[in-house]
Amino acid sequence: MSAESVEVPAVITLTSPRDVLDAIPHSLGFYPGNSLVISLLANTARGRRRQVLVIRLDLIDDSDDVEVVDWPSVHTAMATSGATSAVIAVFATQGSQLQVQTQQEPLIVRVKTALADEDIDVMDALIVADGCYVSLICADPSCCPPEGIPYDVVDPGAIGVELAVRGGSSPLLGRGDVADQFALSPPAQAQILALMDGLADGVGLAAEQILAWGSKPAPSMSQVAQSLMAFADVGIRDAVIAGALCENADNEERLRSFFSYLITVAPDGYRAAPATMAAIAWWVEGDGARANICLDLAFEDNADYRLAELFKQIMRAAVRPEQVRELLAEAMTRA
């Protein structure tokens, strides 16, 4: 299970099931094939609802797969989100509407139970399959005909166009396409490793120097190698991530890209630090999909990496991005 958080611009108003479906890929950052998506909504002071968290689950092959889901984490995310209502949406790339509804019924029922346990109302449950969507809740045939409403998953619709124009959002075709952005580059890894062999163990860098390098359009490979080696010092590592997200607002996007780039060129044994730093940076940006992918890469490099373990708990608890930023700022004040 991956819980992915995003804040939807207040100027975007969703008025129909089609609008909700069109907005989900922009929330996740990719089109969610073979997924059950829970869009958690909270009441606002103006009497409206705003999305506070998105939870994506893989679809099941049989009823036994329901118990494979990390339900404690799902409950924690729901409970801490502040949500009062939710929309469930199932996206299936194969099977008829009837087949998908039948096969995914145990998962849908279990999600509804989890929402009820957290006193979260289900506003709608939508099934996207076989070229149309069907509501399992709405019984008004003029709004939601039982045969479904034609729907093309990759057609952005009016809401998708508005999110793209106003927010610059451009969903990728799938989670795999997002993961490809962090694909390793063996030639670059070999080059970095060769440079590391020529450096002393303690390169004597300050966090400010690494932040300056990361703020440049194209840091040199030598600077990259020195930065990766310096992250072995947790004090420098923590100062860099806190400085990037709390003291470098003008360069935050470039530093986030720097951390992400470091993942692709870091030799084995050096990738956990930048991957965790990138996970934190993407989470603070509100991009849970990339945060989850980066954290997975951190654990692949070092299954016992302490900072990754700590941040995994933060993500499981669905701590809001602005709260994470506040925690980093407090840590800097205490340092």
C-alpha atoms as a PDB file:
ATOM      1  CA  MET A   1       0.000   0.000   0.000  1.00  0.00           C
ATOM      2  CA  SER A   2       1.211   3.485  -0.789  1.00  0.00           C
ATOM      3  CA  ALA A   3      -0.348   6.599   0.691  1.00  0.00           C
ATOM      4  CA  GLU A   4       0.186   9.627  -1.494  1.00  0.00           C
ATOM      5  CA  SER A   5      -0.643  13.135  -0.417  1.00  0.00           C
ATOM      6  CA  VAL A   6      -1.456  16.171  -2.501  1.00  0.00           C
ATOM      7  CA  GLU A   7      -3.193  19.483  -1.995  1.00  0.00           C
ATOM      8  CA  VAL A   8      -5.720  20.384  -4.671  1.00  0.00           C
ATOM      9  CA  PRO A   9      -5.849  24.110  -5.547  1.00  0.00           C
ATOM     10  CA  ALA A  10      -8.857  25.737  -3.916  1.00  0.00           C
ATOM     11  CA  VAL A  11      -9.866  27.310  -7.244  1.00  0.00           C
ATOM     12  CA  ILE A  12     -10.619  23.881  -8.731  1.00  0.00           C
ATOM     13  CA  THR A  13     -14.230  22.863  -8.069  1.00  0.00           C
ATOM     14  CA  LEU A  14     -15.322  19.273  -8.612  1.00  0.00           C
ATOM     15  CA  THR A  15     -19.025  18.945  -9.326  1.00  0.00           C
ATOM     16  CA  SER A  16     -19.496  15.462 -10.827  1.00  0.00           C
ATOM     17  CA  PRO A  17     -18.141  11.908 -10.675  1.00  0.00           C
ATOM     18  CA  ARG A  18     -16.333  12.598 -13.957  1.00  0.00           C
ATOM     19  CA  ASP A  19     -14.581  15.578 -12.355  1.00  0.00           C
ATOM     20  CA  VAL A  20     -13.427  13.427  -9.435  1.00  0.00           C
ATOM     21  CA  LEU A  21     -12.053  10.745 -11.764  1.00  0.00           C
ATOM     22  CA  ASP A  22     -10.289  13.327 -13.925  1.00  0.00           C
ATOM     23  CA  ALA A  23      -8.614  14.888 -10.876  1.00  0.00           C
ATOM     24  CA  ILE A  24      -7.206  11.647  -9.437  1.00  0.00           C
ATOM     25  CA  PRO A  25      -4.296  11.226 -11.908  1.00  0.00           C
ATOM     26  CA  HIS A  26      -3.201  14.780 -11.105  1.00  0.00           C
ATOM     27  CA  SER A  27      -3.299  13.939  -7.392  1.00  0.00           C
ATOM     28  CA  LEU A  28      -1.174  10.824  -7.814  1.00  0.00           C
ATOM     29  CA  GLY A  29       1.045  12.135 -10.582  1.00  0.00           C
ATOM     30  CA  PHE A  30       0.163   9.198 -12.842  1.00  0.00           C
ATOM     31  CA  TYR A  31      -2.823   7.354 -14.286  1.00  0.00           C
ATOM     32  CA  PRO A  32      -3.731   4.662 -11.730  1.00  0.00           C
ATOM     33  CA  GLY A  33      -4.198   1.480 -13.735  1.00  0.00           C
ATOM     34  CA  ASN A  34      -5.366  -1.553 -11.718  1.00  0.00           C
ATOM     35  CA  SER A  35      -5.726   0.478  -8.544  1.00  0.00           C
ATOM     36  CA  LEU A  36      -8.286   1.316  -5.900  1.00  0.00           C
ATOM     37  CA  VAL A  37      -7.949   4.969  -4.981  1.00  0.00           C
ATOM     38  CA  ILE A  38      -9.419   6.558  -1.872  1.00  0.00           C
ATOM     39  CA  SER A  39      -9.760  10.324  -2.073  1.00  0.00           C
ATOM     40  CA  LEU A  40     -10.083  11.639   1.473  1.00  0.00           C
ATOM     41  CA  LEU A  41     -11.899  14.936   1.912  1.00  0.00           C
ATOM     42  CA  ALA A  42     -12.136  17.355   4.828  1.00  0.00           C
ATOM     43  CA  ASN A  43     -14.630  20.129   5.470  1.00  0.00           C
ATOM     44  CA  THR A  44     -13.456  23.709   5.032  1.00  0.00           C
ATOM     45  CA  ALA A  45     -14.506  26.877   6.849  1.00  0.00           C
ATOM     46  CA  ARG A  46     -16.525  27.847   3.773  1.00  0.00           C
ATOM     47  CA  GLY A  47     -18.637  24.719   3.981  1.00  0.00           C
ATOM     48  CA  ARG A  48     -16.866  22.997   1.096  1.00  0.00           C
ATOM     49  CA  ARG A  49     -14.713  19.893   0.970  1.00  0.00           C
ATOM     50  CA  ARG A  50     -11.051  19.755   0.010  1.00  0.00           C
ATOM     51  CA  GLN A  51      -8.886  16.761  -0.701  1.00  0.00           C
ATOM     52  CA  VAL A  52      -6.368  16.142   2.068  1.00  0.00           C
ATOM     53  CA  LEU A  53      -4.944  12.739   1.195  1.00  0.00           C
ATOM     54  CA  VAL A  54      -5.021  10.093  -1.512  1.00  0.00           C
ATOM     55  CA  ILE A  55      -4.477   6.414  -0.724  1.00  0.00           C
ATOM     56  CA  ARG A  56      -3.761   4.006  -3.564  1.00  0.00           C
ATOM     57  CA  LEU A  57      -4.089   0.230  -3.238  1.00  0.00           C
ATOM     58  CA  ASP A  58      -3.314  -2.432  -5.813  1.00  0.00           C
ATOM     59  CA  LEU A  59      -6.349  -4.370  -7.028  1.00  0.00           C
ATOM     60  CA  ILE A  60      -6.712  -7.951  -5.798  1.00  0.00           C
ATOM     61  CA  ASP A  61      -6.659 -11.202  -7.768  1.00  0.00           C
ATOM     62  CA  ASP A  62      -8.734 -13.099  -5.210  1.00  0.00           C
ATOM     63  CA  SER A  63     -10.352 -12.462  -1.845  1.00  0.00           C
ATOM     64  CA  ASP A  64      -7.306 -13.686   0.096  1.00  0.00           C
ATOM     65  CA  ASP A  65      -5.284 -10.757  -1.244  1.00  0.00           C
ATOM     66  CA  VAL A  66      -7.329  -8.364   0.900  1.00  0.00           C
ATOM     67  CA  GLU A  67      -5.348  -9.346   3.981  1.00  0.00           C
ATOM     68  CA  VAL A  68      -2.045  -8.580   2.234  1.00  0.00           C
ATOM     69  CA  VAL A  69      -2.876  -4.867   2.467  1.00  0.00           C
ATOM     70  CA  ASP A  70      -1.196  -2.990   5.321  1.00  0.00           C
ATOM     71  CA  TRP A  71      -4.500  -2.086   6.955  1.00  0.00           C
ATOM     72  CA  PRO A  72      -2.994  -0.584  10.139  1.00  0.00           C
ATOM     73  CA  SER A  73      -1.208   1.972   7.968  1.00  0.00           C
ATOM     74  CA  VAL A  74      -4.406   2.636   6.027  1.00  0.00           C
ATOM     75  CA  HIS A  75      -6.298   3.236   9.274  1.00  0.00           C
ATOM     76  CA  THR A  76      -3.565   5.524  10.579  1.00  0.00           C
ATOM     77  CA  ALA A  77      -3.583   7.563   7.377  1.00  0.00           C
ATOM     78  CA  MET A  78      -7.357   7.899   7.493  1.00  0.00           C
ATOM     79  CA  ALA A  79      -7.454   8.776  11.190  1.00  0.00           C
ATOM     80  CA  THR A  80      -4.776  11.468  10.997  1.00  0.00           C
ATOM     81  CA  SER A  81      -5.961  13.047   7.750  1.00  0.00           C
ATOM     82  CA  GLY A  82      -8.829  14.977   9.327  1.00  0.00           C
ATOM     83  CA  ALA A  83     -11.127  13.673   6.591  1.00  0.00           C
ATOM     84  CA  THR A  84     -14.874  13.505   7.082  1.00  0.00           C
ATOM     85  CA  SER A  85     -15.835  11.989   3.722  1.00  0.00           C
ATOM     86  CA  ALA A  86     -14.297  10.008   0.900  1.00  0.00           C
ATOM     87  CA  VAL A  87     -14.711   8.905  -2.689  1.00  0.00           C
ATOM     88  CA  ILE A  88     -13.620   5.404  -3.671  1.00  0.00           C
ATOM     89  CA  ALA A  89     -12.572   4.826  -7.282  1.00  0.00           C
ATOM     90  CA  VAL A  90     -11.535   1.517  -8.821  1.00  0.00           C
ATOM     91  CA  PHE A  91      -9.506   1.691 -12.038  1.00  0.00           C
ATOM     92  CA  ALA A  92      -9.223  -1.623 -13.928  1.00  0.00           C
ATOM     93  CA  THR A  93      -7.472  -2.125 -17.262  1.00  0.00           C
ATOM     94  CA  GLN A  94      -9.019  -5.540 -17.947  1.00  0.00           C
ATOM     95  CA  GLY A  95     -12.397  -7.176 -17.498  1.00  0.00           C
ATOM     96  CA  SER A  96     -16.018  -6.140 -17.898  1.00  0.00           C
ATOM     97  CA  GLN A  97     -17.798  -3.964 -15.393  1.00  0.00           C
ATOM     98  CA  LEU A  98     -19.480  -7.012 -13.848  1.00  0.00           C
ATOM     99  CA  GLN A  99     -16.229  -8.960 -13.648  1.00  0.00           C
ATOM    100  CA  VAL A 100     -14.365  -6.078 -12.021  1.00  0.00           C
ATOM    101  CA  GLN A 101     -17.157  -5.332  -9.558  1.00  0.00           C
ATOM    102  CA  THR A 102     -17.370  -9.002  -8.553  1.00  0.00           C
ATOM    103  CA  GLN A 103     -13.627  -9.549  -8.245  1.00  0.00           C
ATOM    104  CA  GLN A 104     -12.940  -6.335  -6.321  1.00  0.00           C
ATOM    105  CA  GLU A 105     -15.991  -6.503  -4.043  1.00  0.00           C
ATOM    106  CA  PRO A 106     -14.015  -7.900  -1.055  1.00  0.00           C
ATOM    107  CA  LEU A 107     -11.509  -5.052  -1.333  1.00  0.00           C
ATOM    108  CA  ILE A 108     -14.226  -2.417  -1.718  1.00  0.00           C
ATOM    109  CA  VAL A 109     -16.128  -3.794   1.287  1.00  0.00           C
ATOM    110  CA  ARG A 110     -12.960  -3.807   3.384  1.00  0.00           C
ATOM    111  CA  VAL A 111     -12.190  -0.192   2.422  1.00  0.00           C
ATOM    112  CA  LYS A 112     -15.738   0.864   3.279  1.00  0.00           C
ATOM    113  CA  THR A 113     -15.387  -0.861   6.654  1.00  0.00           C
ATOM    114  CA  ALA A 114     -12.121   0.961   7.338  1.00  0.00           C
ATOM    115  CA  LEU A 115     -13.730   4.296   6.455  1.00  0.00           C
ATOM    116  CA  ALA A 116     -16.720   3.558   8.695  1.00  0.00           C
ATOM    117  CA  ASP A 117     -14.367   2.657  11.562  1.00  0.00           C
ATOM    118  CA  GLU A 118     -12.854   6.147  11.238  1.00  0.00           C
ATOM    119  CA  ASP A 119     -16.282   7.858  10.950  1.00  0.00           C
ATOM    120  CA  ILE A 120     -15.626   8.854   7.342  1.00  0.00           C
ATOM    121  CA  ASP A 121     -18.667   8.912   5.078  1.00  0.00           C
ATOM    122  CA  VAL A 122     -18.467   7.360   1.607  1.00  0.00           C
ATOM    123  CA  MET A 123     -19.792   9.924  -0.844  1.00  0.00           C
ATOM    124  CA  ASP A 124     -19.444   7.658  -3.866  1.00  0.00           C
ATOM    125  CA  ALA A 125     -17.827   4.451  -5.071  1.00  0.00           C
ATOM    126  CA  LEU A 126     -16.939   4.441  -8.756  1.00  0.00           C
ATOM    127  CA  ILE A 127     -15.802   1.593 -11.000  1.00  0.00           C
ATOM    128  CA  VAL A 128     -13.820   2.506 -14.111  1.00  0.00           C
ATOM    129  CA  ALA A 129     -13.647  -0.470 -16.460  1.00  0.00           C
ATOM    130  CA  ASP A 130     -14.451  -1.550 -20.002  1.00  0.00           C
ATOM    131  CA  GLY A 131     -14.576   2.018 -21.360  1.00  0.00           C
ATOM    132  CA  CYS A 132     -17.061   3.442 -18.854  1.00  0.00           C
ATOM    133  CA  TYR A 133     -17.602   4.241 -15.196  1.00  0.00           C
ATOM    134  CA  VAL A 134     -20.409   3.090 -12.908  1.00  0.00           C
ATOM    135  CA  SER A 135     -21.440   4.347  -9.482  1.00  0.00           C
ATOM    136  CA  LEU A 136     -22.135   1.701  -6.851  1.00  0.00           C
ATOM    137  CA  ILE A 137     -23.957   4.221  -4.684  1.00  0.00           C
ATOM    138  CA  CYS A 138     -25.892   6.656  -6.858  1.00  0.00           C
ATOM    139  CA  ALA A 139     -29.261   5.155  -7.864  1.00  0.00           C
ATOM    140  CA  ASP A 140     -30.427   8.077 -10.007  1.00  0.00           C
ATOM    141  CA  PRO A 141     -30.476   6.800 -13.610  1.00  0.00           C
ATOM    142  CA  SER A 142     -30.491  10.346 -14.973  1.00  0.00           C
ATOM    143  CA  CYS A 143     -27.151  10.956 -13.244  1.00  0.00           C
ATOM    144  CA  CYS A 144     -25.607   7.502 -13.086  1.00  0.00           C
ATOM    145  CA  PRO A 145     -27.240   5.067 -15.539  1.00  0.00           C
ATOM    146  CA  PRO A 146     -26.729   1.420 -14.530  1.00  0.00           C
ATOM    147  CA  GLU A 147     -25.058   0.626 -17.867  1.00  0.00           C
ATOM    148  CA  GLY A 148     -22.408   3.221 -17.069  1.00  0.00           C
ATOM    149  CA  ILE A 149     -21.157   6.425 -18.665  1.00  0.00           C
ATOM    150  CA  PRO A 150     -18.509   6.277 -21.407  1.00  0.00           C
ATOM    151  CA  TYR A 151     -15.109   7.245 -20.037  1.00  0.00           C
ATOM    152  CA  ASP A 152     -11.608   7.410 -21.491  1.00  0.00           C
ATOM    153  CA  VAL A 153      -9.031   7.262 -18.683  1.00  0.00           C
ATOM    154  CA  VAL A 154      -6.425   9.314 -20.538  1.00  0.00           C
ATOM    155  CA  ASP A 155      -8.880  11.977 -21.737  1.00  0.00           C
ATOM    156  CA  PRO A 156      -8.100  14.834 -19.319  1.00  0.00           C
ATOM    157  CA  GLY A 157     -11.585  16.353 -19.391  1.00  0.00           C
ATOM    158  CA  ALA A 158     -12.282  19.935 -18.373  1.00  0.00           C
ATOM    159  CA  ILE A 159     -10.870  19.439 -14.867  1.00  0.00           C
ATOM    160  CA  GLY A 160      -7.690  17.838 -16.162  1.00  0.00           C
ATOM    161  CA  VAL A 161      -7.149  20.709 -18.574  1.00  0.00           C
ATOM    162  CA  GLU A 162      -7.748  23.255 -15.800  1.00  0.00           C
ATOM    163  CA  LEU A 163      -5.294  21.509 -13.469  1.00  0.00           C
ATOM    164  CA  ALA A 164      -2.711  21.359 -16.249  1.00  0.00           C
ATOM    165  CA  VAL A 165      -3.094  25.039 -17.153  1.00  0.00           C
ATOM    166  CA  ARG A 166      -3.326  26.475 -13.647  1.00  0.00           C
ATOM    167  CA  GLY A 167      -1.100  24.083 -11.749  1.00  0.00           C
ATOM    168  CA  GLY A 168       1.217  22.810 -14.444  1.00  0.00           C
ATOM    169  CA  SER A 169       0.160  19.245 -13.644  1.00  0.00           C
ATOM    170  CA  SER A 170       0.943  16.569 -16.233  1.00  0.00           C
ATOM    171  CA  PRO A 171       0.287  12.991 -15.062  1.00  0.00           C
ATOM    172  CA  LEU A 172       2.487  10.210 -16.400  1.00  0.00           C
ATOM    173  CA  LEU A 173       0.962   7.086 -17.920  1.00  0.00           C
ATOM    174  CA  GLY A 174       1.632   4.918 -14.880  1.00  0.00           C
ATOM    175  CA  ARG A 175       3.580   4.503 -11.659  1.00  0.00           C
ATOM    176  CA  GLY A 176       6.299   2.732 -13.631  1.00  0.00           C
ATOM    177  CA  ASP A 177       6.859   5.878 -15.673  1.00  0.00           C
ATOM    178  CA  VAL A 178       7.329   7.836 -12.443  1.00  0.00           C
ATOM    179  CA  ALA A 179       9.822   5.234 -11.195  1.00  0.00           C
ATOM    180  CA  ASP A 180      11.742   5.487 -14.483  1.00  0.00           C
ATOM    181  CA  GLN A 181      12.689   9.053 -13.550  1.00  0.00           C
ATOM    182  CA  PHE A 182      14.907   7.580 -10.834  1.00  0.00           C
ATOM    183  CA  ALA A 183      16.450   4.808 -12.936  1.00  0.00           C
ATOM    184  CA  LEU A 184      20.091   4.119 -12.183  1.00  0.00           C
ATOM    185  CA  SER A 185      22.812   5.096 -14.643  1.00  0.00           C
ATOM    186  CA  PRO A 186      25.591   2.441 -14.437  1.00  0.00           C
ATOM    187  CA  PRO A 187      28.143   4.482 -16.455  1.00  0.00           C
ATOM    188  CA  ALA A 188      27.652   7.500 -14.188  1.00  0.00           C
ATOM    189  CA  GLN A 189      27.797   5.278 -11.095  1.00  0.00           C
ATOM    190  CA  ALA A 190      31.131   3.875 -12.262  1.00  0.00           C
ATOM    191  CA  GLN A 191      32.470   7.372 -12.875  1.00  0.00           C
ATOM    192  CA  ILE A 192      31.397   8.530  -9.418  1.00  0.00           C
ATOM    193  CA  LEU A 193      32.923   5.454  -7.781  1.00  0.00           C
ATOM    194  CA  ALA A 194      36.242   6.110  -9.538  1.00  0.00           C
ATOM    195  CA  LEU A 195      36.204   9.696  -8.294  1.00  0.00           C
ATOM    196  CA  MET A 196      35.433   8.517  -4.756  1.00  0.00           C
ATOM    197  CA  ASP A 197      38.462   6.242  -4.816  1.00  0.00           C
ATOM    198  CA  GLY A 198      40.624   9.314  -5.283  1.00  0.00           C
ATOM    199  CA  LEU A 199      39.071  11.249  -2.409  1.00  0.00           C
ATOM    200  CA  ALA A 200      39.943  11.085   1.261  1.00  0.00           C
ATOM    201  CA  ASP A 201      37.340   9.513   3.548  1.00  0.00           C
ATOM    202  CA  GLY A 202      36.626  12.833   5.186  1.00  0.00           C
ATOM    203  CA  VAL A 203      36.217  15.416   2.450  1.00  0.00           C
ATOM    204  CA  GLY A 204      35.607  18.148   5.038  1.00  0.00           C
ATOM    205  CA  LEU A 205      32.553  19.662   3.403  1.00  0.00           C
ATOM    206  CA  ALA A 206      30.086  21.978   5.083  1.00  0.00           C
ATOM    207  CA  ALA A 207      26.361  21.708   4.424  1.00  0.00           C
ATOM    208  CA  GLU A 208      26.397  25.206   2.959  1.00  0.00           C
ATOM    209  CA  GLN A 209      28.834  24.102   0.258  1.00  0.00           C
ATOM    210  CA  ILE A 210      26.661  21.157  -0.786  1.00  0.00           C
ATOM    211  CA  LEU A 211      23.567  23.374  -0.851  1.00  0.00           C
ATOM    212  CA  ALA A 212      25.445  25.820  -3.083  1.00  0.00           C
ATOM    213  CA  TRP A 213      26.473  23.037  -5.463  1.00  0.00           C
ATOM    214  CA  GLY A 214      22.957  21.591  -5.540  1.00  0.00           C
ATOM    215  CA  SER A 215      21.495  24.997  -6.334  1.00  0.00           C
ATOM    216  CA  LYS A 216      23.523  25.208  -9.548  1.00  0.00           C
ATOM    217  CA  PRO A 217      22.051  23.991 -12.861  1.00  0.00           C
ATOM    218  CA  ALA A 218      24.740  21.333 -13.348  1.00  0.00           C
ATOM    219  CA  PRO A 219      27.062  20.432 -10.461  1.00  0.00           C
ATOM    220  CA  SER A 220      30.257  18.691 -11.526  1.00  0.00           C
ATOM    221  CA  MET A 221      30.741  14.950 -11.078  1.00  0.00           C
ATOM    222  CA  SER A 222      33.472  15.694  -8.551  1.00  0.00           C
ATOM    223  CA  GLN A 223      31.028  17.804  -6.528  1.00  0.00           C
ATOM    224  CA  VAL A 224      28.463  15.002  -6.749  1.00  0.00           C
ATOM    225  CA  ALA A 225      31.003  12.442  -5.503  1.00  0.00           C
ATOM    226  CA  GLN A 226      32.066  14.655  -2.613  1.00  0.00           C
ATOM    227  CA  SER A 227      28.427  15.295  -1.643  1.00  0.00           C
ATOM    228  CA  LEU A 228      27.579  11.588  -1.587  1.00  0.00           C
ATOM    229  CA  MET A 229      30.582  10.848   0.595  1.00  0.00           C
ATOM    230  CA  ALA A 230      29.739  13.721   2.934  1.00  0.00           C
ATOM    231  CA  PHE A 231      26.246  12.322   3.574  1.00  0.00           C
ATOM    232  CA  ALA A 232      27.865   9.544   5.610  1.00  0.00           C
ATOM    233  CA  ASP A 233      28.039  12.239   8.300  1.00  0.00           C
ATOM    234  CA  VAL A 234      24.421  12.365   9.494  1.00  0.00           C
ATOM    235  CA  GLY A 235      24.944  15.887  10.833  1.00  0.00           C
ATOM    236  CA  ILE A 236      25.848  17.158   7.369  1.00  0.00           C
ATOM    237  CA  ARG A 237      23.077  15.115   5.754  1.00  0.00           C
ATOM    238  CA  ASP A 238      20.429  16.470   8.120  1.00  0.00           C
ATOM    239  CA  ALA A 239      21.698  20.042   7.780  1.00  0.00           C
ATOM    240  CA  VAL A 240      21.491  19.770   3.986  1.00  0.00           C
ATOM    241  CA  ILE A 241      17.922  18.459   3.886  1.00  0.00           C
ATOM    242  CA  ALA A 242      16.739  20.980   6.511  1.00  0.00           C
ATOM    243  CA  GLY A 243      18.545  23.816   4.780  1.00  0.00           C
ATOM    244  CA  ALA A 244      17.076  22.838   1.406  1.00  0.00           C
ATOM    245  CA  LEU A 245      13.503  22.848   2.686  1.00  0.00           C
ATOM    246  CA  CYS A 246      13.618  25.623   5.261  1.00  0.00           C
ATOM    247  CA  GLU A 247      16.211  28.174   4.158  1.00  0.00           C
ATOM    248  CA  ASN A 248      16.418  27.968   0.365  1.00  0.00           C
ATOM    249  CA  ALA A 249      12.926  28.731  -0.892  1.00  0.00           C
ATOM    250  CA  ASP A 250      14.253  30.174  -4.149  1.00  0.00           C
ATOM    251  CA  ASN A 251      16.264  27.032  -4.872  1.00  0.00           C
ATOM    252  CA  GLU A 252      14.035  24.385  -3.312  1.00  0.00           C
ATOM    253  CA  GLU A 253      12.912  22.949  -6.655  1.00  0.00           C
ATOM    254  CA  ARG A 254      16.476  22.744  -7.949  1.00  0.00           C
ATOM    255  CA  LEU A 255      17.709  21.104  -4.725  1.00  0.00           C
ATOM    256  CA  ARG A 256      14.868  18.581  -4.883  1.00  0.00           C
ATOM    257  CA  SER A 257      16.001  17.758  -8.409  1.00  0.00           C
ATOM    258  CA  PHE A 258      19.590  17.524  -7.148  1.00  0.00           C
ATOM    259  CA  PHE A 259      18.656  14.918  -4.526  1.00  0.00           C
ATOM    260  CA  SER A 260      16.692  12.991  -7.172  1.00  0.00           C
ATOM    261  CA  TYR A 261      19.632  13.100  -9.587  1.00  0.00           C
ATOM    262  CA  LEU A 262      21.986  11.802  -6.903  1.00  0.00           C
ATOM    263  CA  ILE A 263      19.856   8.647  -6.658  1.00  0.00           C
ATOM    264  CA  THR A 264      20.545   7.827 -10.309  1.00  0.00           C
ATOM    265  CA  VAL A 265      24.347   8.180 -10.074  1.00  0.00           C
ATOM    266  CA  ALA A 266      25.084   7.025  -6.514  1.00  0.00           C
ATOM    267  CA  PRO A 267      27.051   3.762  -6.309  1.00  0.00           C
ATOM    268  CA  ASP A 268      25.676   0.926  -4.220  1.00  0.00           C
ATOM    269  CA  GLY A 269      25.983   1.733  -0.535  1.00  0.00           C
ATOM    270  CA  TYR A 270      25.707   5.479  -1.121  1.00  0.00           C
ATOM    271  CA  ARG A 271      22.152   5.674  -2.468  1.00  0.00           C
ATOM    272  CA  ALA A 272      20.120   5.404   0.739  1.00  0.00           C
ATOM    273  CA  ALA A 273      20.979   8.924   1.921  1.00  0.00           C
ATOM    274  CA  PRO A 274      20.007  10.892  -1.222  1.00  0.00           C
ATOM    275  CA  ALA A 275      17.001   8.623  -1.796  1.00  0.00           C
ATOM    276  CA  THR A 276      15.679   9.370   1.694  1.00  0.00           C
ATOM    277  CA  MET A 277      16.444  13.070   1.291  1.00  0.00           C
ATOM    278  CA  ALA A 278      14.579  13.080  -2.029  1.00  0.00           C
ATOM    279  CA  ALA A 279      11.648  11.235  -0.402  1.00  0.00           C
ATOM    280  CA  ILE A 280      11.391  13.939   2.253  1.00  0.00           C
ATOM    281  CA  ALA A 281      11.680  16.706  -0.331  1.00  0.00           C
ATOM    282  CA  TRP A 282       8.985  15.200  -2.570  1.00  0.00           C
ATOM    283  CA  TRP A 283       6.664  14.592   0.397  1.00  0.00           C
ATOM    284  CA  VAL A 284       7.011  18.219   1.486  1.00  0.00           C
ATOM    285  CA  GLU A 285       6.200  19.189  -2.105  1.00  0.00           C
ATOM    286  CA  GLY A 286       3.007  17.124  -1.738  1.00  0.00           C
ATOM    287  CA  ASP A 287       4.062  14.405  -4.203  1.00  0.00           C
ATOM    288  CA  GLY A 288       3.494  11.157  -2.354  1.00  0.00           C
ATOM    289  CA  ALA A 289       4.061   8.987  -5.428  1.00  0.00           C
ATOM    290  CA  ARG A 290       7.653  10.106  -5.890  1.00  0.00           C
ATOM    291  CA  ALA A 291       8.212  10.112  -2.124  1.00  0.00           C
ATOM    292  CA  ASN A 292       7.172   6.456  -1.911  1.00  0.00           C
ATOM    293  CA  ILE A 293       9.335   5.471  -4.874  1.00  0.00           C
ATOM    294  CA  CYS A 294      12.382   7.240  -3.442  1.00  0.00           C
ATOM    295  CA  LEU A 295      11.885   5.612  -0.057  1.00  0.00           C
ATOM    296  CA  ASP A 296      11.675   2.187  -1.725  1.00  0.00           C
ATOM    297  CA  LEU A 297      15.012   2.927  -3.422  1.00  0.00           C
ATOM    298  CA  ALA A 298      16.532   3.881  -0.067  1.00  0.00           C
ATOM    299  CA  PHE A 299      15.544   0.538   1.455  1.00  0.00           C
ATOM    300  CA  GLU A 300      16.786  -1.346  -1.597  1.00  0.00           C
ATOM    301  CA  ASP A 301      20.226   0.170  -0.977  1.00  0.00           C
ATOM    302  CA  ASN A 302      20.157  -0.199   2.809  1.00  0.00           C
ATOM    303  CA  ALA A 303      17.300  -2.084   4.428  1.00  0.00           C
ATOM    304  CA  ASP A 304      18.282  -0.737   7.863  1.00  0.00           C
ATOM    305  CA  TYR A 305      18.795   2.921   6.986  1.00  0.00           C
ATOM    306  CA  ARG A 306      17.631   4.735  10.125  1.00  0.00           C
ATOM    307  CA  LEU A 307      16.412   7.977   8.561  1.00  0.00           C
ATOM    308  CA  ALA A 308      14.400   6.024   5.996  1.00  0.00           C
ATOM    309  CA  GLU A 309      12.788   4.021   8.806  1.00  0.00           C
ATOM    310  CA  LEU A 310      11.886   7.204  10.662  1.00  0.00           C
ATOM    311  CA  PHE A 311      10.441   8.872   7.599  1.00  0.00           C
ATOM    312  CA  LYS A 312       8.516   5.743   6.687  1.00  0.00           C
ATOM    313  CA  GLN A 313       6.659   6.125   9.987  1.00  0.00           C
ATOM    314  CA  ILE A 314       5.929   9.773   9.181  1.00  0.00           C
ATOM    315  CA  MET A 315       4.497   8.816   5.809  1.00  0.00           C
ATOM    316  CA  ARG A 316       2.455   5.981   7.297  1.00  0.00           C
ATOM    317  CA  ALA A 317       0.975   8.449   9.750  1.00  0.00           C
ATOM    318  CA  ALA A 318       0.152  10.730   6.794  1.00  0.00           C
ATOM    319  CA  VAL A 319       1.812  13.705   8.479  1.00  0.00           C
ATOM    320  CA  ARG A 320       0.922  16.664   6.312  1.00  0.00           C
ATOM    321  CA  PRO A 321       3.687  18.252   4.212  1.00  0.00           C
ATOM    322  CA  GLU A 322       3.574  21.570   6.050  1.00  0.00           C
ATOM    323  CA  GLN A 323       3.924  19.744   9.377  1.00  0.00           C
ATOM    324  CA  VAL A 324       7.050  17.969   8.123  1.00  0.00           C
ATOM    325  CA  ARG A 325       8.503  21.314   7.112  1.00  0.00           C
ATOM    326  CA  GLU A 326       7.739  22.684  10.594  1.00  0.00           C
ATOM    327  CA  LEU A 327       9.488  19.694  12.199  1.00  0.00           C
ATOM    328  CA  LEU A 328      12.573  20.346  10.069  1.00  0.00           C
ATOM    329  CA  ALA A 329      12.554  24.029  11.011  1.00  0.00           C
ATOM    330  CA  GLU A 330      12.326  23.141  14.702  1.00  0.00           C
ATOM    331  CA  ALA A 331      15.224  20.712  14.328  1.00  0.00           C
ATOM    332  CA  MET A 332      17.330  23.464  12.770  1.00  0.00           C
ATOM    333  CA  THR A 333      16.497  25.800  15.658  1.00  0.00           C
ATOM    334  CA  ARG A 334      17.630  23.193  18.201  1.00  0.00           C
ATOM    335  CA  ALA A 335      20.822  22.379  16.293  1.00  0.00           C
END
